[in-house]
Amino acid sequence: MATRRHAILMAGIAGLVCWLGAGAVDAQDRSNWPTALTLGTASQGGTYFIYGSGWLNMVAEELKISASAEVTGGPVQNATLVHTGDLSLGMVTMGPAYDAWIGESELAPGVKHDQLRAIFPMYTTGFQCIALQSSGIQNVADLDGKTVGVGPAGGTPGTYWPRIFDALGIKVTARQGGAGDQASQVQDRLLDAFCFAAGFPFPAFNELEAQIPVNIFGLTDEQVATVTAAIPSLAPYTIPAGLYRSVAGEQKTVAMWNFAVANAALPEDLVYAIVKTVMENNERMVQIHPAAVETLPEAYVHNTFLPWHPGAVRWFEENGHAIPEELRG
């Protein structure tokens, strides 16, 4: 009995030593962490803000670190703010991210954003429009000569919808602004339509169709072919049925992938912990926003140009996903 008690006591002491040792390691590992994390999202009422606030709060809770999601103009601005270190984290679509990487950002032309690092894949951003049923607008071609909201300046829709209209030969008067504000302006008939881009479904579209009859539409097959030929960073995409009450079936459109990014100087162990938290909790992510059904490790392959942060490289390779040598940050 004495021997058994001695064994239990020694096991308890060993466990306490391990616990204290782990605590010391954690404290030492965190010594170079920032006191708080800041994440660039986009306008309120858009997918970025809801999705981003959700995953950042989850990370803050798991890692016991202070964090705040910032309202921004979207991917173009996020790329620059993360590059400069004004934000530690950001969310970008890969079209604007590529422009920033090669020094062709609309916000900072001539500046190669070489401090950007990929950390995890998010979801595809699709392009879709909404108009009041009473307007008679049912197709992008019907927008010719109309006043159309295209989301915030510096965001993916604000950057790419004007390019899409140009590719299709459609003349519109484009207005920029937050997603929630522009949906309200459609309801108040200050805008003829609102064309946006985000992860489906768009919260601002859901809110508008709950209040008034609307038409929600993507692109025709012919329009998709024309747009993807003119803008290689966009690819054909099928919007699933069942996202909006006003839409009976699937719709065709174009889309591009979104990734979370970090400043290159962010500590490796911190980024590893962030990636681990998001990539290993997909069920919780989907509860934050349905678009997170695509927030899966295997989607890392959709990044073909942006170097990965070493902390992300470590997590992906520990979990069986090889990062190409040329993309190791």
C-alpha atoms as a PDB file:
ATOM      1  CA  MET A   1       0.000   0.000   0.000  1.00  0.00           C
ATOM      2  CA  ALA A   2       2.864   2.348   0.887  1.00  0.00           C
ATOM      3  CA  THR A   3       4.487   1.596  -2.456  1.00  0.00           C
ATOM      4  CA  ARG A   4       1.215   2.375  -4.276  1.00  0.00           C
ATOM      5  CA  ARG A   5       0.804   5.656  -2.365  1.00  0.00           C
ATOM      6  CA  HIS A   6       4.407   6.540  -3.199  1.00  0.00           C
ATOM      7  CA  ALA A   7       3.786   5.843  -6.893  1.00  0.00           C
ATOM      8  CA  ILE A   8       0.652   8.007  -6.917  1.00  0.00           C
ATOM      9  CA  LEU A   9       2.496  10.816  -5.136  1.00  0.00           C
ATOM     10  CA  MET A  10       5.410  10.680  -7.572  1.00  0.00           C
ATOM     11  CA  ALA A  11       3.017  10.661 -10.548  1.00  0.00           C
ATOM     12  CA  GLY A  12       1.264  13.704  -9.125  1.00  0.00           C
ATOM     13  CA  ILE A  13       4.547  15.537  -8.654  1.00  0.00           C
ATOM     14  CA  ALA A  14       5.621  14.641 -12.183  1.00  0.00           C
ATOM     15  CA  GLY A  15       2.315  15.900 -13.560  1.00  0.00           C
ATOM     16  CA  LEU A  16       2.659  19.152 -11.637  1.00  0.00           C
ATOM     17  CA  VAL A  17       6.192  19.625 -12.916  1.00  0.00           C
ATOM     18  CA  CYS A  18       5.020  19.002 -16.497  1.00  0.00           C
ATOM     19  CA  TRP A  19       2.129  21.450 -16.058  1.00  0.00           C
ATOM     20  CA  LEU A  20       4.428  24.121 -14.639  1.00  0.00           C
ATOM     21  CA  GLY A  21       6.970  23.419 -17.368  1.00  0.00           C
ATOM     22  CA  ALA A  22       4.324  23.735 -20.066  1.00  0.00           C
ATOM     23  CA  GLY A  23       3.177  27.000 -18.545  1.00  0.00           C
ATOM     24  CA  ALA A  24       6.716  28.317 -18.597  1.00  0.00           C
ATOM     25  CA  VAL A  25       7.108  27.280 -22.236  1.00  0.00           C
ATOM     26  CA  ASP A  26       3.811  28.956 -23.144  1.00  0.00           C
ATOM     27  CA  ALA A  27       4.889  32.130 -21.386  1.00  0.00           C
ATOM     28  CA  GLN A  28       8.237  32.035 -23.139  1.00  0.00           C
ATOM     29  CA  ASP A  29       6.605  31.336 -26.526  1.00  0.00           C
ATOM     30  CA  ARG A  30       4.289  34.319 -26.067  1.00  0.00           C
ATOM     31  CA  SER A  31       7.045  36.741 -25.122  1.00  0.00           C
ATOM     32  CA  ASN A  32       7.314  37.994 -28.700  1.00  0.00           C
ATOM     33  CA  TRP A  33       3.573  38.053 -29.374  1.00  0.00           C
ATOM     34  CA  PRO A  34       1.837  41.399 -29.908  1.00  0.00           C
ATOM     35  CA  THR A  35      -0.426  42.570 -27.094  1.00  0.00           C
ATOM     36  CA  ALA A  36      -3.398  42.536 -29.481  1.00  0.00           C
ATOM     37  CA  LEU A  37      -4.376  41.369 -32.957  1.00  0.00           C
ATOM     38  CA  THR A  38      -6.102  43.569 -35.525  1.00  0.00           C
ATOM     39  CA  LEU A  39      -7.920  42.126 -38.532  1.00  0.00           C
ATOM     40  CA  GLY A  40      -8.964  43.990 -41.667  1.00  0.00           C
ATOM     41  CA  THR A  41     -12.433  42.893 -42.849  1.00  0.00           C
ATOM     42  CA  ALA A  42     -14.723  45.108 -44.988  1.00  0.00           C
ATOM     43  CA  SER A  43     -17.994  47.022 -44.608  1.00  0.00           C
ATOM     44  CA  GLN A  44     -20.653  46.035 -42.081  1.00  0.00           C
ATOM     45  CA  GLY A  45     -23.440  43.997 -43.679  1.00  0.00           C
ATOM     46  CA  GLY A  46     -20.974  42.080 -45.872  1.00  0.00           C
ATOM     47  CA  THR A  47     -19.684  38.533 -45.517  1.00  0.00           C
ATOM     48  CA  TYR A  48     -16.134  39.646 -44.672  1.00  0.00           C
ATOM     49  CA  PHE A  49     -17.199  41.499 -41.553  1.00  0.00           C
ATOM     50  CA  ILE A  50     -19.377  38.666 -40.208  1.00  0.00           C
ATOM     51  CA  TYR A  51     -16.989  35.858 -41.158  1.00  0.00           C
ATOM     52  CA  GLY A  52     -13.893  37.783 -40.040  1.00  0.00           C
ATOM     53  CA  SER A  53     -15.301  38.950 -36.720  1.00  0.00           C
ATOM     54  CA  GLY A  54     -16.367  35.364 -36.036  1.00  0.00           C
ATOM     55  CA  TRP A  55     -13.067  33.618 -36.661  1.00  0.00           C
ATOM     56  CA  LEU A  56     -11.078  36.358 -34.921  1.00  0.00           C
ATOM     57  CA  ASN A  57     -13.269  36.091 -31.817  1.00  0.00           C
ATOM     58  CA  MET A  58     -12.779  32.321 -31.852  1.00  0.00           C
ATOM     59  CA  VAL A  59      -9.002  32.772 -32.075  1.00  0.00           C
ATOM     60  CA  ALA A  60      -9.005  35.403 -29.320  1.00  0.00           C
ATOM     61  CA  GLU A  61     -10.998  33.080 -27.051  1.00  0.00           C
ATOM     62  CA  GLU A  62      -8.807  30.050 -27.713  1.00  0.00           C
ATOM     63  CA  LEU A  63      -5.475  31.892 -27.460  1.00  0.00           C
ATOM     64  CA  LYS A  64      -6.511  34.262 -24.662  1.00  0.00           C
ATOM     65  CA  ILE A  65      -5.374  37.298 -26.634  1.00  0.00           C
ATOM     66  CA  SER A  66      -7.014  40.656 -27.230  1.00  0.00           C
ATOM     67  CA  ALA A  67      -8.256  41.143 -30.806  1.00  0.00           C
ATOM     68  CA  SER A  68     -10.403  43.518 -32.846  1.00  0.00           C
ATOM     69  CA  ALA A  69     -11.970  43.256 -36.310  1.00  0.00           C
ATOM     70  CA  GLU A  70     -11.671  46.551 -38.179  1.00  0.00           C
ATOM     71  CA  VAL A  71     -14.171  47.882 -40.727  1.00  0.00           C
ATOM     72  CA  THR A  72     -12.198  48.638 -43.917  1.00  0.00           C
ATOM     73  CA  GLY A  73     -12.736  49.129 -47.623  1.00  0.00           C
ATOM     74  CA  GLY A  74     -12.034  45.437 -48.224  1.00  0.00           C
ATOM     75  CA  PRO A  75      -9.268  43.391 -49.861  1.00  0.00           C
ATOM     76  CA  VAL A  76      -7.396  46.165 -51.681  1.00  0.00           C
ATOM     77  CA  GLN A  77      -7.080  48.235 -48.516  1.00  0.00           C
ATOM     78  CA  ASN A  78      -6.484  45.164 -46.326  1.00  0.00           C
ATOM     79  CA  ALA A  79      -3.532  44.090 -48.460  1.00  0.00           C
ATOM     80  CA  THR A  80      -1.845  47.476 -48.060  1.00  0.00           C
ATOM     81  CA  LEU A  81      -2.573  47.813 -44.329  1.00  0.00           C
ATOM     82  CA  VAL A  82      -1.206  44.326 -43.621  1.00  0.00           C
ATOM     83  CA  HIS A  83       1.854  44.977 -45.807  1.00  0.00           C
ATOM     84  CA  THR A  84       2.660  48.167 -43.886  1.00  0.00           C
ATOM     85  CA  GLY A  85       2.008  46.529 -40.506  1.00  0.00           C
ATOM     86  CA  ASP A  86      -0.897  48.839 -39.652  1.00  0.00           C
ATOM     87  CA  LEU A  87      -2.953  45.646 -39.377  1.00  0.00           C
ATOM     88  CA  SER A  88      -1.516  42.343 -38.234  1.00  0.00           C
ATOM     89  CA  LEU A  89      -4.063  40.247 -40.173  1.00  0.00           C
ATOM     90  CA  GLY A  90      -6.336  40.752 -43.157  1.00  0.00           C
ATOM     91  CA  MET A  91      -8.704  39.036 -45.543  1.00  0.00           C
ATOM     92  CA  VAL A  92      -8.177  39.320 -49.300  1.00  0.00           C
ATOM     93  CA  THR A  93      -9.463  37.984 -52.571  1.00  0.00           C
ATOM     94  CA  MET A  94      -6.656  36.668 -54.703  1.00  0.00           C
ATOM     95  CA  GLY A  95      -7.189  39.080 -57.608  1.00  0.00           C
ATOM     96  CA  PRO A  96      -6.465  42.232 -55.581  1.00  0.00           C
ATOM     97  CA  ALA A  97      -3.809  40.316 -53.628  1.00  0.00           C
ATOM     98  CA  TYR A  98      -1.964  39.480 -56.837  1.00  0.00           C
ATOM     99  CA  ASP A  99      -2.168  43.096 -58.015  1.00  0.00           C
ATOM    100  CA  ALA A 100      -0.714  44.194 -54.658  1.00  0.00           C
ATOM    101  CA  TRP A 101       2.013  41.518 -54.720  1.00  0.00           C
ATOM    102  CA  ILE A 102       3.334  42.665 -58.115  1.00  0.00           C
ATOM    103  CA  GLY A 103       3.078  46.370 -57.275  1.00  0.00           C
ATOM    104  CA  GLU A 104      -0.095  47.201 -59.179  1.00  0.00           C
ATOM    105  CA  SER A 105      -2.451  47.881 -56.281  1.00  0.00           C
ATOM    106  CA  GLU A 106      -4.983  50.592 -57.032  1.00  0.00           C
ATOM    107  CA  LEU A 107      -4.384  51.961 -53.541  1.00  0.00           C
ATOM    108  CA  ALA A 108      -0.573  51.936 -53.600  1.00  0.00           C
ATOM    109  CA  PRO A 109       0.588  51.709 -57.224  1.00  0.00           C
ATOM    110  CA  GLY A 110       4.255  50.910 -57.671  1.00  0.00           C
ATOM    111  CA  VAL A 111       4.599  49.373 -54.193  1.00  0.00           C
ATOM    112  CA  LYS A 112       5.303  45.640 -54.210  1.00  0.00           C
ATOM    113  CA  HIS A 113       3.496  44.262 -51.173  1.00  0.00           C
ATOM    114  CA  ASP A 114       6.264  41.835 -50.273  1.00  0.00           C
ATOM    115  CA  GLN A 115       5.360  41.646 -46.575  1.00  0.00           C
ATOM    116  CA  LEU A 116       2.085  39.805 -47.274  1.00  0.00           C
ATOM    117  CA  ARG A 117       1.940  36.135 -46.268  1.00  0.00           C
ATOM    118  CA  ALA A 118      -0.890  33.634 -46.763  1.00  0.00           C
ATOM    119  CA  ILE A 119      -2.115  31.834 -43.644  1.00  0.00           C
ATOM    120  CA  PHE A 120      -5.283  29.882 -44.564  1.00  0.00           C
ATOM    121  CA  PRO A 121      -7.907  29.535 -47.334  1.00  0.00           C
ATOM    122  CA  MET A 122     -11.353  30.980 -46.636  1.00  0.00           C
ATOM    123  CA  TYR A 123     -13.938  30.556 -49.408  1.00  0.00           C
ATOM    124  CA  THR A 124     -14.825  31.652 -52.913  1.00  0.00           C
ATOM    125  CA  THR A 125     -16.136  35.154 -53.499  1.00  0.00           C
ATOM    126  CA  GLY A 126     -18.953  35.122 -56.032  1.00  0.00           C
ATOM    127  CA  PHE A 127     -20.514  38.029 -57.907  1.00  0.00           C
ATOM    128  CA  GLN A 128     -24.258  38.681 -57.773  1.00  0.00           C
ATOM    129  CA  CYS A 129     -26.750  41.553 -58.117  1.00  0.00           C
ATOM    130  CA  ILE A 130     -30.047  42.568 -56.538  1.00  0.00           C
ATOM    131  CA  ALA A 131     -32.790  44.948 -57.711  1.00  0.00           C
ATOM    132  CA  LEU A 132     -36.389  45.601 -56.767  1.00  0.00           C
ATOM    133  CA  GLN A 133     -38.919  43.494 -58.664  1.00  0.00           C
ATOM    134  CA  SER A 134     -40.774  46.699 -59.456  1.00  0.00           C
ATOM    135  CA  SER A 135     -37.725  47.977 -61.383  1.00  0.00           C
ATOM    136  CA  GLY A 136     -38.042  45.256 -64.033  1.00  0.00           C
ATOM    137  CA  ILE A 137     -34.272  44.603 -63.822  1.00  0.00           C
ATOM    138  CA  GLN A 138     -33.634  40.864 -64.115  1.00  0.00           C
ATOM    139  CA  ASN A 139     -30.265  40.604 -65.855  1.00  0.00           C
ATOM    140  CA  VAL A 140     -26.905  42.379 -65.811  1.00  0.00           C
ATOM    141  CA  ALA A 141     -27.667  43.551 -69.356  1.00  0.00           C
ATOM    142  CA  ASP A 142     -30.676  45.443 -67.937  1.00  0.00           C
ATOM    143  CA  LEU A 143     -28.264  47.640 -65.954  1.00  0.00           C
ATOM    144  CA  ASP A 144     -27.134  49.545 -69.039  1.00  0.00           C
ATOM    145  CA  GLY A 145     -27.673  53.252 -68.343  1.00  0.00           C
ATOM    146  CA  LYS A 146     -28.557  52.619 -64.700  1.00  0.00           C
ATOM    147  CA  THR A 147     -27.058  53.781 -61.389  1.00  0.00           C
ATOM    148  CA  VAL A 148     -25.578  50.772 -59.640  1.00  0.00           C
ATOM    149  CA  GLY A 149     -23.989  50.268 -56.231  1.00  0.00           C
ATOM    150  CA  VAL A 150     -20.761  48.245 -56.361  1.00  0.00           C
ATOM    151  CA  GLY A 151     -19.711  48.101 -52.709  1.00  0.00           C
ATOM    152  CA  PRO A 152     -16.932  49.980 -50.924  1.00  0.00           C
ATOM    153  CA  ALA A 153     -13.935  51.575 -52.620  1.00  0.00           C
ATOM    154  CA  GLY A 154     -10.969  49.238 -52.369  1.00  0.00           C
ATOM    155  CA  GLY A 155     -13.147  46.152 -52.036  1.00  0.00           C
ATOM    156  CA  THR A 156     -13.414  43.249 -54.453  1.00  0.00           C
ATOM    157  CA  PRO A 157     -16.835  44.225 -55.867  1.00  0.00           C
ATOM    158  CA  GLY A 158     -15.878  47.901 -56.094  1.00  0.00           C
ATOM    159  CA  THR A 159     -12.764  46.908 -58.039  1.00  0.00           C
ATOM    160  CA  TYR A 160     -14.098  44.135 -60.242  1.00  0.00           C
ATOM    161  CA  TRP A 161     -17.730  45.008 -61.042  1.00  0.00           C
ATOM    162  CA  PRO A 162     -16.653  48.069 -63.088  1.00  0.00           C
ATOM    163  CA  ARG A 163     -14.243  45.778 -64.965  1.00  0.00           C
ATOM    164  CA  ILE A 164     -17.055  43.264 -65.538  1.00  0.00           C
ATOM    165  CA  PHE A 165     -19.342  45.988 -66.885  1.00  0.00           C
ATOM    166  CA  ASP A 166     -16.565  47.186 -69.204  1.00  0.00           C
ATOM    167  CA  ALA A 167     -15.931  43.642 -70.462  1.00  0.00           C
ATOM    168  CA  LEU A 168     -19.648  43.264 -71.253  1.00  0.00           C
ATOM    169  CA  GLY A 169     -19.934  46.703 -72.853  1.00  0.00           C
ATOM    170  CA  ILE A 170     -22.479  47.827 -70.252  1.00  0.00           C
ATOM    171  CA  LYS A 171     -22.460  51.509 -69.310  1.00  0.00           C
ATOM    172  CA  VAL A 172     -23.446  52.172 -65.694  1.00  0.00           C
ATOM    173  CA  THR A 173     -23.013  54.984 -63.210  1.00  0.00           C
ATOM    174  CA  ALA A 174     -21.184  53.156 -60.421  1.00  0.00           C
ATOM    175  CA  ARG A 175     -21.610  54.245 -56.825  1.00  0.00           C
ATOM    176  CA  GLN A 176     -19.400  52.999 -53.989  1.00  0.00           C
ATOM    177  CA  GLY A 177     -20.392  52.412 -50.377  1.00  0.00           C
ATOM    178  CA  GLY A 178     -20.954  49.878 -47.620  1.00  0.00           C
ATOM    179  CA  ALA A 179     -23.012  46.765 -48.333  1.00  0.00           C
ATOM    180  CA  GLY A 180     -25.736  47.500 -45.808  1.00  0.00           C
ATOM    181  CA  ASP A 181     -26.028  51.132 -46.906  1.00  0.00           C
ATOM    182  CA  GLN A 182     -26.256  50.277 -50.594  1.00  0.00           C
ATOM    183  CA  ALA A 183     -28.920  47.625 -50.037  1.00  0.00           C
ATOM    184  CA  SER A 184     -30.939  50.272 -48.190  1.00  0.00           C
ATOM    185  CA  GLN A 185     -30.436  52.688 -51.077  1.00  0.00           C
ATOM    186  CA  VAL A 186     -31.918  50.098 -53.449  1.00  0.00           C
ATOM    187  CA  GLN A 187     -34.979  49.851 -51.204  1.00  0.00           C
ATOM    188  CA  ASP A 188     -35.236  53.667 -51.117  1.00  0.00           C
ATOM    189  CA  ARG A 189     -34.854  53.748 -54.942  1.00  0.00           C
ATOM    190  CA  LEU A 190     -31.690  55.826 -54.725  1.00  0.00           C
ATOM    191  CA  LEU A 191     -29.905  53.040 -56.612  1.00  0.00           C
ATOM    192  CA  ASP A 192     -31.362  51.005 -59.477  1.00  0.00           C
ATOM    193  CA  ALA A 193     -29.452  47.917 -58.354  1.00  0.00           C
ATOM    194  CA  PHE A 194     -26.682  46.729 -56.057  1.00  0.00           C
ATOM    195  CA  CYS A 195     -23.994  44.412 -57.436  1.00  0.00           C
ATOM    196  CA  PHE A 196     -21.811  42.854 -54.754  1.00  0.00           C
ATOM    197  CA  ALA A 197     -19.215  40.124 -54.270  1.00  0.00           C
ATOM    198  CA  ALA A 198     -18.628  38.013 -51.150  1.00  0.00           C
ATOM    199  CA  GLY A 199     -19.164  34.537 -49.785  1.00  0.00           C
ATOM    200  CA  PHE A 200     -22.703  33.277 -50.343  1.00  0.00           C
ATOM    201  CA  PRO A 201     -25.270  34.118 -49.152  1.00  0.00           C
ATOM    202  CA  PHE A 202     -24.850  37.890 -48.899  1.00  0.00           C
ATOM    203  CA  PRO A 203     -26.338  39.073 -45.571  1.00  0.00           C
ATOM    204  CA  ALA A 204     -27.342  42.431 -47.097  1.00  0.00           C
ATOM    205  CA  PHE A 205     -29.313  40.600 -49.823  1.00  0.00           C
ATOM    206  CA  ASN A 206     -31.045  38.395 -47.240  1.00  0.00           C
ATOM    207  CA  GLU A 207     -32.077  41.446 -45.245  1.00  0.00           C
ATOM    208  CA  LEU A 208     -33.393  43.335 -48.285  1.00  0.00           C
ATOM    209  CA  GLU A 209     -35.453  40.435 -49.657  1.00  0.00           C
ATOM    210  CA  ALA A 210     -37.031  39.989 -46.212  1.00  0.00           C
ATOM    211  CA  GLN A 211     -38.491  43.489 -46.517  1.00  0.00           C
ATOM    212  CA  ILE A 212     -39.523  43.911 -50.172  1.00  0.00           C
ATOM    213  CA  PRO A 213     -39.902  41.803 -53.375  1.00  0.00           C
ATOM    214  CA  VAL A 214     -36.569  41.633 -55.227  1.00  0.00           C
ATOM    215  CA  ASN A 215     -34.821  40.065 -58.196  1.00  0.00           C
ATOM    216  CA  ILE A 216     -31.462  38.455 -57.423  1.00  0.00           C
ATOM    217  CA  PHE A 217     -29.325  37.435 -60.417  1.00  0.00           C
ATOM    218  CA  GLY A 218     -25.868  36.402 -61.548  1.00  0.00           C
ATOM    219  CA  LEU A 219     -24.565  36.156 -65.118  1.00  0.00           C
ATOM    220  CA  THR A 220     -25.636  34.217 -68.199  1.00  0.00           C
ATOM    221  CA  ASP A 221     -23.390  31.516 -69.686  1.00  0.00           C
ATOM    222  CA  GLU A 222     -22.443  33.887 -72.491  1.00  0.00           C
ATOM    223  CA  GLN A 223     -21.620  36.672 -70.042  1.00  0.00           C
ATOM    224  CA  VAL A 224     -19.492  34.298 -67.940  1.00  0.00           C
ATOM    225  CA  ALA A 225     -17.492  33.308 -71.020  1.00  0.00           C
ATOM    226  CA  THR A 226     -16.924  36.937 -72.012  1.00  0.00           C
ATOM    227  CA  VAL A 227     -15.917  38.048 -68.512  1.00  0.00           C
ATOM    228  CA  THR A 228     -13.501  35.178 -67.788  1.00  0.00           C
ATOM    229  CA  ALA A 229     -11.790  35.703 -71.141  1.00  0.00           C
ATOM    230  CA  ALA A 230     -11.295  39.394 -70.350  1.00  0.00           C
ATOM    231  CA  ILE A 231     -10.392  39.001 -66.635  1.00  0.00           C
ATOM    232  CA  PRO A 232      -8.253  35.853 -66.057  1.00  0.00           C
ATOM    233  CA  SER A 233      -8.374  36.155 -62.240  1.00  0.00           C
ATOM    234  CA  LEU A 234     -12.120  35.359 -62.399  1.00  0.00           C
ATOM    235  CA  ALA A 235     -13.392  31.820 -62.959  1.00  0.00           C
ATOM    236  CA  PRO A 236     -16.842  30.328 -63.731  1.00  0.00           C
ATOM    237  CA  TYR A 237     -18.879  29.492 -60.654  1.00  0.00           C
ATOM    238  CA  THR A 238     -22.312  28.040 -59.904  1.00  0.00           C
ATOM    239  CA  ILE A 239     -24.271  29.629 -57.058  1.00  0.00           C
ATOM    240  CA  PRO A 240     -26.106  26.852 -55.154  1.00  0.00           C
ATOM    241  CA  ALA A 241     -29.882  26.848 -54.884  1.00  0.00           C
ATOM    242  CA  GLY A 242     -31.586  27.532 -51.587  1.00  0.00           C
ATOM    243  CA  LEU A 243     -29.575  30.549 -50.452  1.00  0.00           C
ATOM    244  CA  TYR A 244     -32.334  33.109 -50.995  1.00  0.00           C
ATOM    245  CA  ARG A 245     -36.113  32.810 -50.908  1.00  0.00           C
ATOM    246  CA  SER A 246     -36.326  34.824 -54.134  1.00  0.00           C
ATOM    247  CA  VAL A 247     -34.175  32.411 -56.161  1.00  0.00           C
ATOM    248  CA  ALA A 248     -35.619  29.056 -57.193  1.00  0.00           C
ATOM    249  CA  GLY A 249     -32.550  27.249 -58.530  1.00  0.00           C
ATOM    250  CA  GLU A 250     -28.847  27.509 -59.270  1.00  0.00           C
ATOM    251  CA  GLN A 251     -27.360  30.573 -60.950  1.00  0.00           C
ATOM    252  CA  LYS A 252     -24.205  31.030 -63.003  1.00  0.00           C
ATOM    253  CA  THR A 253     -21.649  33.711 -62.188  1.00  0.00           C
ATOM    254  CA  VAL A 254     -17.908  34.263 -61.756  1.00  0.00           C
ATOM    255  CA  ALA A 255     -15.812  33.982 -58.596  1.00  0.00           C
ATOM    256  CA  MET A 256     -12.333  34.120 -57.057  1.00  0.00           C
ATOM    257  CA  TRP A 257     -10.817  32.624 -53.892  1.00  0.00           C
ATOM    258  CA  ASN A 258     -10.317  34.424 -50.584  1.00  0.00           C
ATOM    259  CA  PHE A 259      -7.399  33.888 -48.215  1.00  0.00           C
ATOM    260  CA  ALA A 260      -6.499  35.170 -44.788  1.00  0.00           C
ATOM    261  CA  VAL A 261      -3.134  36.931 -44.767  1.00  0.00           C
ATOM    262  CA  ALA A 262      -0.671  38.121 -42.144  1.00  0.00           C
ATOM    263  CA  ASN A 263       2.248  40.487 -41.984  1.00  0.00           C
ATOM    264  CA  ALA A 264       5.504  38.572 -42.487  1.00  0.00           C
ATOM    265  CA  ALA A 265       6.871  39.804 -39.134  1.00  0.00           C
ATOM    266  CA  LEU A 266       4.125  38.148 -37.080  1.00  0.00           C
ATOM    267  CA  PRO A 267       5.664  35.441 -34.821  1.00  0.00           C
ATOM    268  CA  GLU A 268       5.692  31.932 -36.284  1.00  0.00           C
ATOM    269  CA  ASP A 269       4.222  30.270 -33.204  1.00  0.00           C
ATOM    270  CA  LEU A 270       1.358  32.784 -33.071  1.00  0.00           C
ATOM    271  CA  VAL A 271       0.444  32.228 -36.721  1.00  0.00           C
ATOM    272  CA  TYR A 272       0.699  28.467 -36.199  1.00  0.00           C
ATOM    273  CA  ALA A 273      -1.780  28.747 -33.314  1.00  0.00           C
ATOM    274  CA  ILE A 274      -4.157  30.913 -35.376  1.00  0.00           C
ATOM    275  CA  VAL A 275      -4.110  28.502 -38.319  1.00  0.00           C
ATOM    276  CA  LYS A 276      -4.556  25.498 -36.032  1.00  0.00           C
ATOM    277  CA  THR A 277      -7.578  27.098 -34.355  1.00  0.00           C
ATOM    278  CA  VAL A 278      -9.354  27.927 -37.625  1.00  0.00           C
ATOM    279  CA  MET A 279      -8.440  24.842 -39.654  1.00  0.00           C
ATOM    280  CA  GLU A 280      -9.349  22.392 -36.877  1.00  0.00           C
ATOM    281  CA  ASN A 281     -12.744  23.906 -36.038  1.00  0.00           C
ATOM    282  CA  ASN A 282     -14.705  23.884 -39.295  1.00  0.00           C
ATOM    283  CA  GLU A 283     -18.001  23.069 -37.589  1.00  0.00           C
ATOM    284  CA  ARG A 284     -17.716  26.218 -35.487  1.00  0.00           C
ATOM    285  CA  MET A 285     -16.671  28.199 -38.565  1.00  0.00           C
ATOM    286  CA  VAL A 286     -19.793  27.134 -40.473  1.00  0.00           C
ATOM    287  CA  GLN A 287     -21.888  28.302 -37.528  1.00  0.00           C
ATOM    288  CA  ILE A 288     -20.259  31.728 -37.949  1.00  0.00           C
ATOM    289  CA  HIS A 289     -21.109  31.895 -41.668  1.00  0.00           C
ATOM    290  CA  PRO A 290     -22.247  29.254 -44.201  1.00  0.00           C
ATOM    291  CA  ALA A 291     -19.440  30.280 -46.604  1.00  0.00           C
ATOM    292  CA  ALA A 292     -17.022  28.571 -44.189  1.00  0.00           C
ATOM    293  CA  VAL A 293     -18.119  25.204 -45.595  1.00  0.00           C
ATOM    294  CA  GLU A 294     -15.205  25.853 -47.989  1.00  0.00           C
ATOM    295  CA  THR A 295     -12.755  26.774 -45.201  1.00  0.00           C
ATOM    296  CA  LEU A 296     -10.917  23.466 -45.462  1.00  0.00           C
ATOM    297  CA  PRO A 297      -7.180  22.643 -45.431  1.00  0.00           C
ATOM    298  CA  GLU A 298      -7.213  21.079 -48.914  1.00  0.00           C
ATOM    299  CA  ALA A 299      -8.274  24.427 -50.404  1.00  0.00           C
ATOM    300  CA  TYR A 300      -4.711  25.693 -49.801  1.00  0.00           C
ATOM    301  CA  VAL A 301      -3.945  24.731 -53.415  1.00  0.00           C
ATOM    302  CA  HIS A 302      -5.885  27.766 -54.660  1.00  0.00           C
ATOM    303  CA  ASN A 303      -2.984  29.989 -53.609  1.00  0.00           C
ATOM    304  CA  THR A 304      -0.534  29.864 -56.517  1.00  0.00           C
ATOM    305  CA  PHE A 305       1.628  32.963 -55.993  1.00  0.00           C
ATOM    306  CA  LEU A 306       1.615  34.377 -52.432  1.00  0.00           C
ATOM    307  CA  PRO A 307       4.286  33.036 -50.040  1.00  0.00           C
ATOM    308  CA  TRP A 308       2.962  31.239 -46.967  1.00  0.00           C
ATOM    309  CA  HIS A 309       3.867  32.432 -43.488  1.00  0.00           C
ATOM    310  CA  PRO A 310       6.284  29.962 -41.789  1.00  0.00           C
ATOM    311  CA  GLY A 311       3.703  29.343 -39.055  1.00  0.00           C
ATOM    312  CA  ALA A 312       1.161  28.310 -41.682  1.00  0.00           C
ATOM    313  CA  VAL A 313       3.734  26.162 -43.514  1.00  0.00           C
ATOM    314  CA  ARG A 314       4.391  24.321 -40.260  1.00  0.00           C
ATOM    315  CA  TRP A 315       0.695  23.545 -39.616  1.00  0.00           C
ATOM    316  CA  PHE A 316      -0.135  22.487 -43.177  1.00  0.00           C
ATOM    317  CA  GLU A 317       2.893  20.222 -43.507  1.00  0.00           C
ATOM    318  CA  GLU A 318       2.283  18.644 -40.101  1.00  0.00           C
ATOM    319  CA  ASN A 319      -1.169  17.781 -41.439  1.00  0.00           C
ATOM    320  CA  GLY A 320      -0.083  16.253 -44.735  1.00  0.00           C
ATOM    321  CA  HIS A 321      -0.301  19.239 -47.092  1.00  0.00           C
ATOM    322  CA  ALA A 322       2.959  19.989 -48.898  1.00  0.00           C
ATOM    323  CA  ILE A 323       3.728  23.663 -49.534  1.00  0.00           C
ATOM    324  CA  PRO A 324       5.707  24.249 -52.773  1.00  0.00           C
ATOM    325  CA  GLU A 325       9.265  25.359 -52.123  1.00  0.00           C
ATOM    326  CA  GLU A 326       8.783  28.583 -54.070  1.00  0.00           C
ATOM    327  CA  LEU A 327       5.859  29.563 -51.818  1.00  0.00           C
ATOM    328  CA  ARG A 328       7.625  29.206 -48.486  1.00  0.00           C
ATOM    329  CA  GLY A 329       7.725  32.615 -46.849  1.00  0.00           C
END
